[in-house]
């Protein structure tokens, strides 16, 4: 009979031991206690697994946020380069127009 604690008590006598009746009364409690201890162990295992998963996800979140910050900074730098490039193209265009006007006058 499974009770969660492995109580295997064997005696060799012609009469029933005095503790036998008390043990028989206690068996439901012992079975329940064994089941509860097993359930507690399973719950603790699930909680530990959940904690590990949560820690892993938090590490991933922090890594992704750092990567996001790096990408955002890179985007700002590229936008600055694009603005400088646009200003250079605009300046070249204005110089071409000025030259064209100068050529028309001559």
PDB file of N, CA and C in Angstrom:
ATOM      1  N   UNK A   1       0.853  -1.168   0.000  1.00  0.00           N
ATOM      2  CA  UNK A   1       0.000   0.000   0.000  1.00  0.00           C
ATOM      3  C   UNK A   1       0.904   1.238   0.000  1.00  0.00           C
ATOM      4  N   UNK A   2       0.734   2.125  -0.966  1.00  0.00           N
ATOM      5  CA  UNK A   2       1.562   3.319  -1.101  1.00  0.00           C
ATOM      6  C   UNK A   2       1.074   4.388  -0.128  1.00  0.00           C
ATOM      7  N   UNK A   3       2.001   4.938   0.633  1.00  0.00           N
ATOM      8  CA  UNK A   3       1.621   6.022   1.523  1.00  0.00           C
ATOM      9  C   UNK A   3       2.581   7.193   1.426  1.00  0.00           C
ATOM     10  N   UNK A   4       3.573   7.085   0.560  1.00  0.00           N
ATOM     11  CA  UNK A   4       4.471   8.201   0.356  1.00  0.00           C
ATOM     12  C   UNK A   4       5.677   8.213   1.264  1.00  0.00           C
ATOM     13  N   UNK A   5       5.719   7.347   2.257  1.00  0.00           N
ATOM     14  CA  UNK A   5       6.848   7.339   3.179  1.00  0.00           C
ATOM     15  C   UNK A   5       7.503   5.968   3.279  1.00  0.00           C
ATOM     16  N   UNK A   6       7.020   4.994   2.574  1.00  0.00           N
ATOM     17  CA  UNK A   6       7.629   3.677   2.568  1.00  0.00           C
ATOM     18  C   UNK A   6       7.572   2.961   3.903  1.00  0.00           C
ATOM     19  N   UNK A   7       6.451   3.042   4.586  1.00  0.00           N
ATOM     20  CA  UNK A   7       6.321   2.329   5.856  1.00  0.00           C
ATOM     21  C   UNK A   7       6.062   0.852   5.565  1.00  0.00           C
ATOM     22  N   UNK A   8       7.074   0.066   5.763  1.00  0.00           N
ATOM     23  CA  UNK A   8       6.920  -1.377   5.574  1.00  0.00           C
ATOM     24  C   UNK A   8       7.329  -2.026   6.888  1.00  0.00           C
ATOM     25  N   UNK A   9       6.357  -2.376   7.678  1.00  0.00           N
ATOM     26  CA  UNK A   9       6.626  -2.914   9.011  1.00  0.00           C
ATOM     27  C   UNK A   9       6.159  -4.368   9.028  1.00  0.00           C
ATOM     28  N   UNK A  10       7.084  -5.271   9.304  1.00  0.00           N
ATOM     29  CA  UNK A  10       6.743  -6.697   9.337  1.00  0.00           C
ATOM     30  C   UNK A  10       7.028  -7.250  10.734  1.00  0.00           C
ATOM     31  N   UNK A  11       6.099  -8.039  11.220  1.00  0.00           N
ATOM     32  CA  UNK A  11       6.293  -8.684  12.524  1.00  0.00           C
ATOM     33  C   UNK A  11       5.862 -10.140  12.417  1.00  0.00           C
ATOM     34  N   UNK A  12       6.464 -10.983  13.226  1.00  0.00           N
ATOM     35  CA  UNK A  12       6.084 -12.404  13.267  1.00  0.00           C
ATOM     36  C   UNK A  12       5.558 -12.720  14.668  1.00  0.00           C
ATOM     37  N   UNK A  13       4.263 -12.655  14.828  1.00  0.00           N
ATOM     38  CA  UNK A  13       3.630 -13.038  16.097  1.00  0.00           C
ATOM     39  C   UNK A  13       2.278 -13.633  15.785  1.00  0.00           C
ATOM     40  N   UNK A  14       1.737 -14.334  16.726  1.00  0.00           N
ATOM     41  CA  UNK A  14       0.403 -14.907  16.567  1.00  0.00           C
ATOM     42  C   UNK A  14      -0.682 -13.871  16.801  1.00  0.00           C
ATOM     43  N   UNK A  15      -0.382 -12.860  17.599  1.00  0.00           N
ATOM     44  CA  UNK A  15      -1.392 -11.841  17.892  1.00  0.00           C
ATOM     45  C   UNK A  15      -1.055 -10.548  17.150  1.00  0.00           C
ATOM     46  N   UNK A  16      -2.063  -9.778  16.972  1.00  0.00           N
ATOM     47  CA  UNK A  16      -1.894  -8.483  16.308  1.00  0.00           C
ATOM     48  C   UNK A  16      -1.154  -7.545  17.253  1.00  0.00           C
ATOM     49  N   UNK A  17      -0.106  -6.835  16.750  1.00  0.00           N
ATOM     50  CA  UNK A  17       0.606  -5.895  17.621  1.00  0.00           C
ATOM     51  C   UNK A  17      -0.318  -4.764  18.069  1.00  0.00           C
ATOM     52  N   UNK A  18       0.000  -4.190  19.211  1.00  0.00           N
ATOM     53  CA  UNK A  18      -0.856  -3.130  19.766  1.00  0.00           C
ATOM     54  C   UNK A  18      -0.864  -1.875  18.899  1.00  0.00           C
ATOM     55  N   UNK A  19       0.194  -1.619  18.159  1.00  0.00           N
ATOM     56  CA  UNK A  19       0.268  -0.413  17.325  1.00  0.00           C
ATOM     57  C   UNK A  19      -0.464  -0.575  16.001  1.00  0.00           C
ATOM     58  N   UNK A  20      -0.874  -1.816  15.681  1.00  0.00           N
ATOM     59  CA  UNK A  20      -1.480  -2.081  14.377  1.00  0.00           C
ATOM     60  C   UNK A  20      -2.767  -1.288  14.170  1.00  0.00           C
ATOM     61  N   UNK A  21      -3.629  -1.264  15.185  1.00  0.00           N
ATOM     62  CA  UNK A  21      -4.895  -0.527  15.051  1.00  0.00           C
ATOM     63  C   UNK A  21      -4.642   0.971  14.890  1.00  0.00           C
ATOM     64  N   UNK A  22      -3.675   1.474  15.634  1.00  0.00           N
ATOM     65  CA  UNK A  22      -3.343   2.902  15.520  1.00  0.00           C
ATOM     66  C   UNK A  22      -2.799   3.214  14.121  1.00  0.00           C
ATOM     67  N   UNK A  23      -1.972   2.303  13.605  1.00  0.00           N
ATOM     68  CA  UNK A  23      -1.433   2.485  12.254  1.00  0.00           C
ATOM     69  C   UNK A  23      -2.553   2.441  11.218  1.00  0.00           C
ATOM     70  N   UNK A  24      -3.480   1.517  11.390  1.00  0.00           N
ATOM     71  CA  UNK A  24      -4.602   1.408  10.454  1.00  0.00           C
ATOM     72  C   UNK A  24      -5.431   2.694  10.452  1.00  0.00           C
ATOM     73  N   UNK A  25      -5.609   3.293  11.644  1.00  0.00           N
ATOM     74  CA  UNK A  25      -6.345   4.559  11.718  1.00  0.00           C
ATOM     75  C   UNK A  25      -5.564   5.692  11.053  1.00  0.00           C
ATOM     76  N   UNK A  26      -4.242   5.618  11.164  1.00  0.00           N
ATOM     77  CA  UNK A  26      -3.394   6.703  10.647  1.00  0.00           C
ATOM     78  C   UNK A  26      -3.107   6.594   9.152  1.00  0.00           C
ATOM     79  N   UNK A  27      -3.375   5.456   8.541  1.00  0.00           N
ATOM     80  CA  UNK A  27      -3.033   5.271   7.126  1.00  0.00           C
ATOM     81  C   UNK A  27      -3.627   6.339   6.203  1.00  0.00           C
ATOM     82  N   UNK A  28      -4.897   6.699   6.331  1.00  0.00           N
ATOM     83  CA  UNK A  28      -5.410   7.755   5.441  1.00  0.00           C
ATOM     84  C   UNK A  28      -4.660   9.079   5.590  1.00  0.00           C
ATOM     85  N   UNK A  29      -4.316   9.394   6.839  1.00  0.00           N
ATOM     86  CA  UNK A  29      -3.574  10.635   7.082  1.00  0.00           C
ATOM     87  C   UNK A  29      -2.186  10.537   6.465  1.00  0.00           C
ATOM     88  N   UNK A  30      -1.540   9.381   6.646  1.00  0.00           N
ATOM     89  CA  UNK A  30      -0.205   9.193   6.080  1.00  0.00           C
ATOM     90  C   UNK A  30      -0.234   9.236   4.555  1.00  0.00           C
ATOM     91  N   UNK A  31      -1.260   8.643   3.968  1.00  0.00           N
ATOM     92  CA  UNK A  31      -1.389   8.689   2.507  1.00  0.00           C
ATOM     93  C   UNK A  31      -1.579  10.129   2.042  1.00  0.00           C
ATOM     94  N   UNK A  32      -2.437  10.848   2.737  1.00  0.00           N
ATOM     95  CA  UNK A  32      -2.685  12.245   2.383  1.00  0.00           C
ATOM     96  C   UNK A  32      -1.418  13.074   2.551  1.00  0.00           C
ATOM     97  N   UNK A  33      -0.711  12.841   3.649  1.00  0.00           N
ATOM     98  CA  UNK A  33       0.531  13.578   3.886  1.00  0.00           C
ATOM     99  C   UNK A  33       1.539  13.284   2.779  1.00  0.00           C
ATOM    100  N   UNK A  34       1.662  12.018   2.395  1.00  0.00           N
ATOM    101  CA  UNK A  34       2.574  11.655   1.306  1.00  0.00           C
ATOM    102  C   UNK A  34       2.186  12.333   0.005  1.00  0.00           C
ATOM    103  N   UNK A  35       0.888  12.336  -0.288  1.00  0.00           N
ATOM    104  CA  UNK A  35       0.420  12.985  -1.510  1.00  0.00           C
ATOM    105  C   UNK A  35       0.705  14.485  -1.456  1.00  0.00           C
ATOM    106  N   UNK A  36       0.445  15.100  -0.291  1.00  0.00           N
ATOM    107  CA  UNK A  36       0.688  16.535  -0.150  1.00  0.00           C
ATOM    108  C   UNK A  36       2.171  16.871  -0.290  1.00  0.00           C
ATOM    109  N   UNK A  37       3.037  16.045   0.306  1.00  0.00           N
ATOM    110  CA  UNK A  37       4.476  16.277   0.171  1.00  0.00           C
ATOM    111  C   UNK A  37       4.919  16.150  -1.288  1.00  0.00           C
ATOM    112  N   UNK A  38       4.375  15.159  -1.978  1.00  0.00           N
ATOM    113  CA  UNK A  38       4.698  14.985  -3.396  1.00  0.00           C
ATOM    114  C   UNK A  38       4.192  16.173  -4.211  1.00  0.00           C
ATOM    115  N   UNK A  39       2.998  16.623  -3.906  1.00  0.00           N
ATOM    116  CA  UNK A  39       2.433  17.783  -4.617  1.00  0.00           C
ATOM    117  C   UNK A  39       3.252  19.038  -4.325  1.00  0.00           C
ATOM    118  N   UNK A  40       3.694  19.197  -3.086  1.00  0.00           N
ATOM    119  CA  UNK A  40       4.541  20.327  -2.713  1.00  0.00           C
ATOM    120  C   UNK A  40       5.858  20.287  -3.487  1.00  0.00           C
ATOM    121  N   UNK A  41       6.461  19.106  -3.611  1.00  0.00           N
ATOM    122  CA  UNK A  41       7.702  18.959  -4.368  1.00  0.00           C
ATOM    123  C   UNK A  41       7.489  19.327  -5.833  1.00  0.00           C
ATOM    124  N   UNK A  42       6.393  18.833  -6.420  1.00  0.00           N
ATOM    125  CA  UNK A  42       6.090  19.160  -7.824  1.00  0.00           C
ATOM    126  C   UNK A  42       5.874  20.658  -8.001  1.00  0.00           C
ATOM    127  N   UNK A  43       5.173  21.265  -7.059  1.00  0.00           N
ATOM    128  CA  UNK A  43       4.924  22.708  -7.137  1.00  0.00           C
ATOM    129  C   UNK A  43       6.228  23.489  -7.030  1.00  0.00           C
ATOM    130  N   UNK A  44       7.112  23.070  -6.124  1.00  0.00           N
ATOM    131  CA  UNK A  44       8.415  23.732  -5.995  1.00  0.00           C
ATOM    132  C   UNK A  44       9.227  23.581  -7.274  1.00  0.00           C
ATOM    133  N   UNK A  45       9.191  22.387  -7.869  1.00  0.00           N
ATOM    134  CA  UNK A  45       9.917  22.165  -9.128  1.00  0.00           C
ATOM    135  C   UNK A  45       9.377  23.064 -10.234  1.00  0.00           C
ATOM    136  N   UNK A  46       8.050  23.169 -10.309  1.00  0.00           N
ATOM    137  CA  UNK A  46       7.442  24.043 -11.319  1.00  0.00           C
ATOM    138  C   UNK A  46       7.818  25.499 -11.080  1.00  0.00           C
ATOM    139  N   UNK A  47       7.840  25.900  -9.819  1.00  0.00           N
ATOM    140  CA  UNK A  47       8.200  27.275  -9.475  1.00  0.00           C
ATOM    141  C   UNK A  47       9.650  27.560  -9.845  1.00  0.00           C
ATOM    142  N   UNK A  48      10.548  26.621  -9.567  1.00  0.00           N
ATOM    143  CA  UNK A  48      11.954  26.804  -9.931  1.00  0.00           C
ATOM    144  C   UNK A  48      12.113  26.899 -11.444  1.00  0.00           C
ATOM    145  N   UNK A  49      11.419  26.042 -12.172  1.00  0.00           N
ATOM    146  CA  UNK A  49      11.492  26.084 -13.635  1.00  0.00           C
ATOM    147  C   UNK A  49      10.948  27.405 -14.152  1.00  0.00           C
ATOM    148  N   UNK A  50       9.856  27.861 -13.553  1.00  0.00           N
ATOM    149  CA  UNK A  50       9.264  29.136 -13.951  1.00  0.00           C
ATOM    150  C   UNK A  50      10.208  30.295 -13.652  1.00  0.00           C
ATOM    151  N   UNK A  51      10.868  30.247 -12.493  1.00  0.00           N
ATOM    152  CA  UNK A  51      11.832  31.296 -12.138  1.00  0.00           C
ATOM    153  C   UNK A  51      12.996  31.328 -13.117  1.00  0.00           C
ATOM    154  N   UNK A  52      13.494  30.149 -13.492  1.00  0.00           N
ATOM    155  CA  UNK A  52      14.592  30.082 -14.466  1.00  0.00           C
ATOM    156  C   UNK A  52      14.149  30.647 -15.810  1.00  0.00           C
ATOM    157  N   UNK A  53      12.942  30.284 -16.234  1.00  0.00           N
ATOM    158  CA  UNK A  53      12.418  30.781 -17.509  1.00  0.00           C
ATOM    159  C   UNK A  53      12.257  32.297 -17.460  1.00  0.00           C
ATOM    160  N   UNK A  54      11.765  32.804 -16.343  1.00  0.00           N
ATOM    161  CA  UNK A  54      11.589  34.247 -16.189  1.00  0.00           C
ATOM    162  C   UNK A  54      12.933  34.960 -16.225  1.00  0.00           C
ATOM    163  N   UNK A  55      13.934  34.398 -15.550  1.00  0.00           N
ATOM    164  CA  UNK A  55      15.270  35.005 -15.554  1.00  0.00           C
ATOM    165  C   UNK A  55      15.848  35.020 -16.965  1.00  0.00           C
ATOM    166  N   UNK A  56      15.652  33.932 -17.701  1.00  0.00           N
ATOM    167  CA  UNK A  56      16.136  33.863 -19.082  1.00  0.00           C
ATOM    168  C   UNK A  56      15.436  34.903 -19.942  1.00  0.00           C
ATOM    169  N   UNK A  57      14.133  35.040 -19.767  1.00  0.00           N
ATOM    170  CA  UNK A  57      13.389  36.025 -20.556  1.00  0.00           C
ATOM    171  C   UNK A  57      13.813  37.448 -20.207  1.00  0.00           C
ATOM    172  N   UNK A  58      14.092  37.700 -18.929  1.00  0.00           N
ATOM    173  CA  UNK A  58      14.549  39.040 -18.540  1.00  0.00           C
ATOM    174  C   UNK A  58      15.912  39.342 -19.154  1.00  0.00           C
ATOM    175  N   UNK A  59      16.801  38.342 -19.173  1.00  0.00           N
ATOM    176  CA  UNK A  59      18.106  38.532 -19.809  1.00  0.00           C
ATOM    177  C   UNK A  59      17.936  38.824 -21.297  1.00  0.00           C
ATOM    178  N   UNK A  60      17.032  38.081 -21.933  1.00  0.00           N
ATOM    179  CA  UNK A  60      16.774  38.308 -23.359  1.00  0.00           C
ATOM    180  C   UNK A  60      16.200  39.704 -23.577  1.00  0.00           C
ATOM    181  N   UNK A  61      15.290  40.121 -22.700  1.00  0.00           N
ATOM    182  CA  UNK A  61      14.691  41.451 -22.815  1.00  0.00           C
ATOM    183  C   UNK A  61      15.758  42.534 -22.694  1.00  0.00           C
ATOM    184  N   UNK A  62      16.661  42.369 -21.723  1.00  0.00           N
ATOM    185  CA  UNK A  62      17.722  43.357 -21.547  1.00  0.00           C
ATOM    186  C   UNK A  62      18.644  43.390 -22.761  1.00  0.00           C
ATOM    187  N   UNK A  63      18.958  42.218 -23.312  1.00  0.00           N
ATOM    188  CA  UNK A  63      19.810  42.164 -24.501  1.00  0.00           C
ATOM    189  C   UNK A  63      19.122  42.836 -25.684  1.00  0.00           C
ATOM    190  N   UNK A  64      17.827  42.582 -25.841  1.00  0.00           N
ATOM    191  CA  UNK A  64      17.080  43.199 -26.941  1.00  0.00           C
ATOM    192  C   UNK A  64      16.971  44.712 -26.761  1.00  0.00           C
ATOM    193  N   UNK A  65      16.801  45.161 -25.514  1.00  0.00           N
ATOM    194  CA  UNK A  65      16.727  46.603 -25.276  1.00  0.00           C
ATOM    195  C   UNK A  65      18.066  47.265 -25.582  1.00  0.00           C
ATOM    196  N   UNK A  66      19.166  46.598 -25.226  1.00  0.00           N
ATOM    197  CA  UNK A  66      20.494  47.139 -25.538  1.00  0.00           C
ATOM    198  C   UNK A  66      20.697  47.192 -27.048  1.00  0.00           C
ATOM    199  N   UNK A  67      20.274  46.137 -27.727  1.00  0.00           N
ATOM    200  CA  UNK A  67      20.382  46.108 -29.188  1.00  0.00           C
ATOM    201  C   UNK A  67      19.505  47.200 -29.799  1.00  0.00           C
ATOM    202  N   UNK A  68      18.317  47.403 -29.250  1.00  0.00           N
ATOM    203  CA  UNK A  68      17.416  48.441 -29.737  1.00  0.00           C
ATOM    204  C   UNK A  68      18.046  49.822 -29.568  1.00  0.00           C
ATOM    205  N   UNK A  69      18.684  50.057 -28.416  1.00  0.00           N
ATOM    206  CA  UNK A  69      19.355  51.340 -28.181  1.00  0.00           C
ATOM    207  C   UNK A  69      20.490  51.554 -29.175  1.00  0.00           C
ATOM    208  N   UNK A  70      21.264  50.492 -29.445  1.00  0.00           N
ATOM    209  CA  UNK A  70      22.349  50.597 -30.420  1.00  0.00           C
ATOM    210  C   UNK A  70      21.807  50.927 -31.809  1.00  0.00           C
ATOM    211  N   UNK A  71      20.729  50.246 -32.187  1.00  0.00           N
ATOM    212  CA  UNK A  71      20.134  50.499 -33.505  1.00  0.00           C
ATOM    213  C   UNK A  71      19.558  51.913 -33.594  1.00  0.00           C
ATOM    214  N   UNK A  72      18.944  52.370 -32.508  1.00  0.00           N
ATOM    215  CA  UNK A  72      18.395  53.725 -32.488  1.00  0.00           C
ATOM    216  C   UNK A  72      19.523  54.751 -32.650  1.00  0.00           C
ATOM    217  N   UNK A  73      20.636  54.520 -31.950  1.00  0.00           N
ATOM    218  CA  UNK A  73      21.785  55.420 -32.058  1.00  0.00           C
ATOM    219  C   UNK A  73      22.346  55.390 -33.475  1.00  0.00           C
ATOM    220  N   UNK A  74      22.431  54.218 -34.053  1.00  0.00           N
ATOM    221  CA  UNK A  74      22.927  54.083 -35.437  1.00  0.00           C
ATOM    222  C   UNK A  74      21.999  54.816 -36.404  1.00  0.00           C
ATOM    223  N   UNK A  75      20.704  54.731 -36.182  1.00  0.00           N
ATOM    224  CA  UNK A  75      19.740  55.427 -37.032  1.00  0.00           C
ATOM    225  C   UNK A  75      19.937  56.934 -36.951  1.00  0.00           C
ATOM    226  N   UNK A  76      20.145  57.443 -35.750  1.00  0.00           N
ATOM    227  CA  UNK A  76      20.384  58.884 -35.581  1.00  0.00           C
ATOM    228  C   UNK A  76      21.635  59.300 -36.338  1.00  0.00           C
ATOM    229  N   UNK A  77      22.693  58.489 -36.230  1.00  0.00           N
ATOM    230  CA  UNK A  77      23.927  58.801 -36.950  1.00  0.00           C
ATOM    231  C   UNK A  77      23.707  58.790 -38.457  1.00  0.00           C
ATOM    232  N   UNK A  78      22.970  57.810 -38.942  1.00  0.00           N
ATOM    233  CA  UNK A  78      22.700  57.730 -40.383  1.00  0.00           C
ATOM    234  C   UNK A  78      21.832  58.897 -40.854  1.00  0.00           C
ATOM    235  N   UNK A  79      20.897  59.329 -40.016  1.00  0.00           N
ATOM    236  CA  UNK A  79      20.076  60.489 -40.376  1.00  0.00           C
ATOM    237  C   UNK A  79      20.939  61.742 -40.477  1.00  0.00           C
ATOM    238  N   UNK A  80      21.904  61.881 -39.572  1.00  0.00           N
ATOM    239  CA  UNK A  80      22.815  63.028 -39.642  1.00  0.00           C
ATOM    240  C   UNK A  80      23.637  62.980 -40.928  1.00  0.00           C
ATOM    241  N   UNK A  81      24.139  61.797 -41.265  1.00  0.00           N
ATOM    242  CA  UNK A  81      24.912  61.644 -42.506  1.00  0.00           C
ATOM    243  C   UNK A  81      24.043  61.979 -43.710  1.00  0.00           C
ATOM    244  N   UNK A  82      22.792  61.541 -43.698  1.00  0.00           N
ATOM    245  CA  UNK A  82      21.883  61.825 -44.811  1.00  0.00           C
ATOM    246  C   UNK A  82      21.632  63.327 -44.932  1.00  0.00           C
ATOM    247  N   UNK A  83      21.467  64.011 -43.805  1.00  0.00           N
ATOM    248  CA  UNK A  83      21.265  65.464 -43.837  1.00  0.00           C
ATOM    249  C   UNK A  83      22.489  66.167 -44.416  1.00  0.00           C
ATOM    250  N   UNK A  84      23.667  65.742 -43.982  1.00  0.00           N
ATOM    251  CA  UNK A  84      24.899  66.337 -44.511  1.00  0.00           C
ATOM    252  C   UNK A  84      24.992  66.086 -46.010  1.00  0.00           C
ATOM    253  N   UNK A  85      24.660  64.872 -46.426  1.00  0.00           N
ATOM    254  CA  UNK A  85      24.702  64.527 -47.847  1.00  0.00           C
ATOM    255  C   UNK A  85      23.706  65.381 -48.636  1.00  0.00           C
ATOM    256  N   UNK A  86      22.498  65.551 -48.093  1.00  0.00           N
ATOM    257  CA  UNK A  86      21.492  66.374 -48.775  1.00  0.00           C
ATOM    258  C   UNK A  86      21.969  67.818 -48.900  1.00  0.00           C
ATOM    259  N   UNK A  87      22.567  68.350 -47.841  1.00  0.00           N
ATOM    260  CA  UNK A  87      23.077  69.725 -47.891  1.00  0.00           C
ATOM    261  C   UNK A  87      24.165  69.844 -48.943  1.00  0.00           C
ATOM    262  N   UNK A  88      25.028  68.821 -49.036  1.00  0.00           N
ATOM    263  CA  UNK A  88      26.085  68.828 -50.061  1.00  0.00           C
ATOM    264  C   UNK A  88      25.504  68.801 -51.455  1.00  0.00           C
ATOM    265  N   UNK A  89      24.483  67.988 -51.668  1.00  0.00           N
ATOM    266  CA  UNK A  89      23.846  67.923 -52.989  1.00  0.00           C
ATOM    267  C   UNK A  89      23.162  69.241 -53.313  1.00  0.00           C
ATOM    268  N   UNK A  90      22.510  69.827 -52.310  1.00  0.00           N
ATOM    269  CA  UNK A  90      21.845  71.110 -52.519  1.00  0.00           C
ATOM    270  C   UNK A  90      22.869  72.177 -52.877  1.00  0.00           C
ATOM    271  N   UNK A  91      23.991  72.169 -52.175  1.00  0.00           N
ATOM    272  CA  UNK A  91      25.051  73.143 -52.451  1.00  0.00           C
ATOM    273  C   UNK A  91      25.577  72.953 -53.870  1.00  0.00           C
ATOM    274  N   UNK A  92      25.780  71.701 -54.278  1.00  0.00           N
ATOM    275  CA  UNK A  92      26.237  71.439 -55.650  1.00  0.00           C
ATOM    276  C   UNK A  92      25.210  71.918 -56.666  1.00  0.00           C
ATOM    277  N   UNK A  93      23.947  71.683 -56.359  1.00  0.00           N
ATOM    278  CA  UNK A  93      22.891  72.127 -57.282  1.00  0.00           C
ATOM    279  C   UNK A  93      22.868  73.636 -57.410  1.00  0.00           C
ATOM    280  N   UNK A  94      23.007  74.320 -56.283  1.00  0.00           N
ATOM    281  CA  UNK A  94      23.019  75.793 -56.311  1.00  0.00           C
ATOM    282  C   UNK A  94      24.221  76.283 -57.096  1.00  0.00           C
ATOM    283  N   UNK A  95      25.377  75.664 -56.905  1.00  0.00           N
ATOM    284  CA  UNK A  95      26.575  76.064 -57.662  1.00  0.00           C
ATOM    285  C   UNK A  95      26.358  75.874 -59.157  1.00  0.00           C
ATOM    286  N   UNK A  96      25.708  74.782 -59.538  1.00  0.00           N
ATOM    287  CA  UNK A  96      25.439  74.548 -60.963  1.00  0.00           C
ATOM    288  C   UNK A  96      24.509  75.624 -61.509  1.00  0.00           C
ATOM    289  N   UNK A  97      23.490  75.987 -60.741  1.00  0.00           N
ATOM    290  CA  UNK A  97      22.556  77.031 -61.191  1.00  0.00           C
ATOM    291  C   UNK A  97      23.293  78.357 -61.321  1.00  0.00           C
ATOM    292  N   UNK A  98      24.142  78.683 -60.347  1.00  0.00           N
ATOM    293  CA  UNK A  98      24.911  79.940 -60.406  1.00  0.00           C
ATOM    294  C   UNK A  98      25.817  79.937 -61.626  1.00  0.00           C
ATOM    295  N   UNK A  99      26.473  78.827 -61.900  1.00  0.00           N
ATOM    296  CA  UNK A  99      27.321  78.736 -63.098  1.00  0.00           C
ATOM    297  C   UNK A  99      26.493  78.905 -64.364  1.00  0.00           C
ATOM    298  N   UNK A 100      25.319  78.265 -64.363  1.00  0.00           N
ATOM    299  CA  UNK A 100      24.470  78.365 -65.556  1.00  0.00           C
ATOM    300  C   UNK A 100      24.029  79.803 -65.769  1.00  0.00           C
ATOM    301  N   UNK A 101      23.684  80.501 -64.686  1.00  0.00           N
ATOM    302  CA  UNK A 101      23.293  81.912 -64.805  1.00  0.00           C
ATOM    303  C   UNK A 101      24.481  82.734 -65.272  1.00  0.00           C
ATOM    304  N   UNK A 102      25.658  82.426 -64.731  1.00  0.00           N
ATOM    305  CA  UNK A 102      26.868  83.137 -65.151  1.00  0.00           C
ATOM    306  C   UNK A 102      27.165  82.898 -66.619  1.00  0.00           C
ATOM    307  N   UNK A 103      26.918  81.704 -67.101  1.00  0.00           N
ATOM    308  CA  UNK A 103      27.154  81.388 -68.512  1.00  0.00           C
ATOM    309  C   UNK A 103      26.147  82.103 -69.403  1.00  0.00           C
ATOM    310  N   UNK A 104      24.939  82.275 -68.921  1.00  0.00           N
ATOM    311  CA  UNK A 104      23.911  82.963 -69.711  1.00  0.00           C
ATOM    312  C   UNK A 104      24.275  84.434 -69.848  1.00  0.00           C
ATOM    313  N   UNK A 105      24.813  85.051 -68.807  1.00  0.00           N
ATOM    314  CA  UNK A 105      25.182  86.465 -68.835  1.00  0.00           C
ATOM    315  C   UNK A 105      26.321  86.707 -69.830  1.00  0.00           C
ATOM    316  N   UNK A 106      27.203  85.759 -69.940  1.00  0.00           N
ATOM    317  CA  UNK A 106      28.363  85.955 -70.820  1.00  0.00           C
ATOM    318  C   UNK A 106      27.968  85.717 -72.204  1.00  0.00           C
TER     319      UNK A 106
END
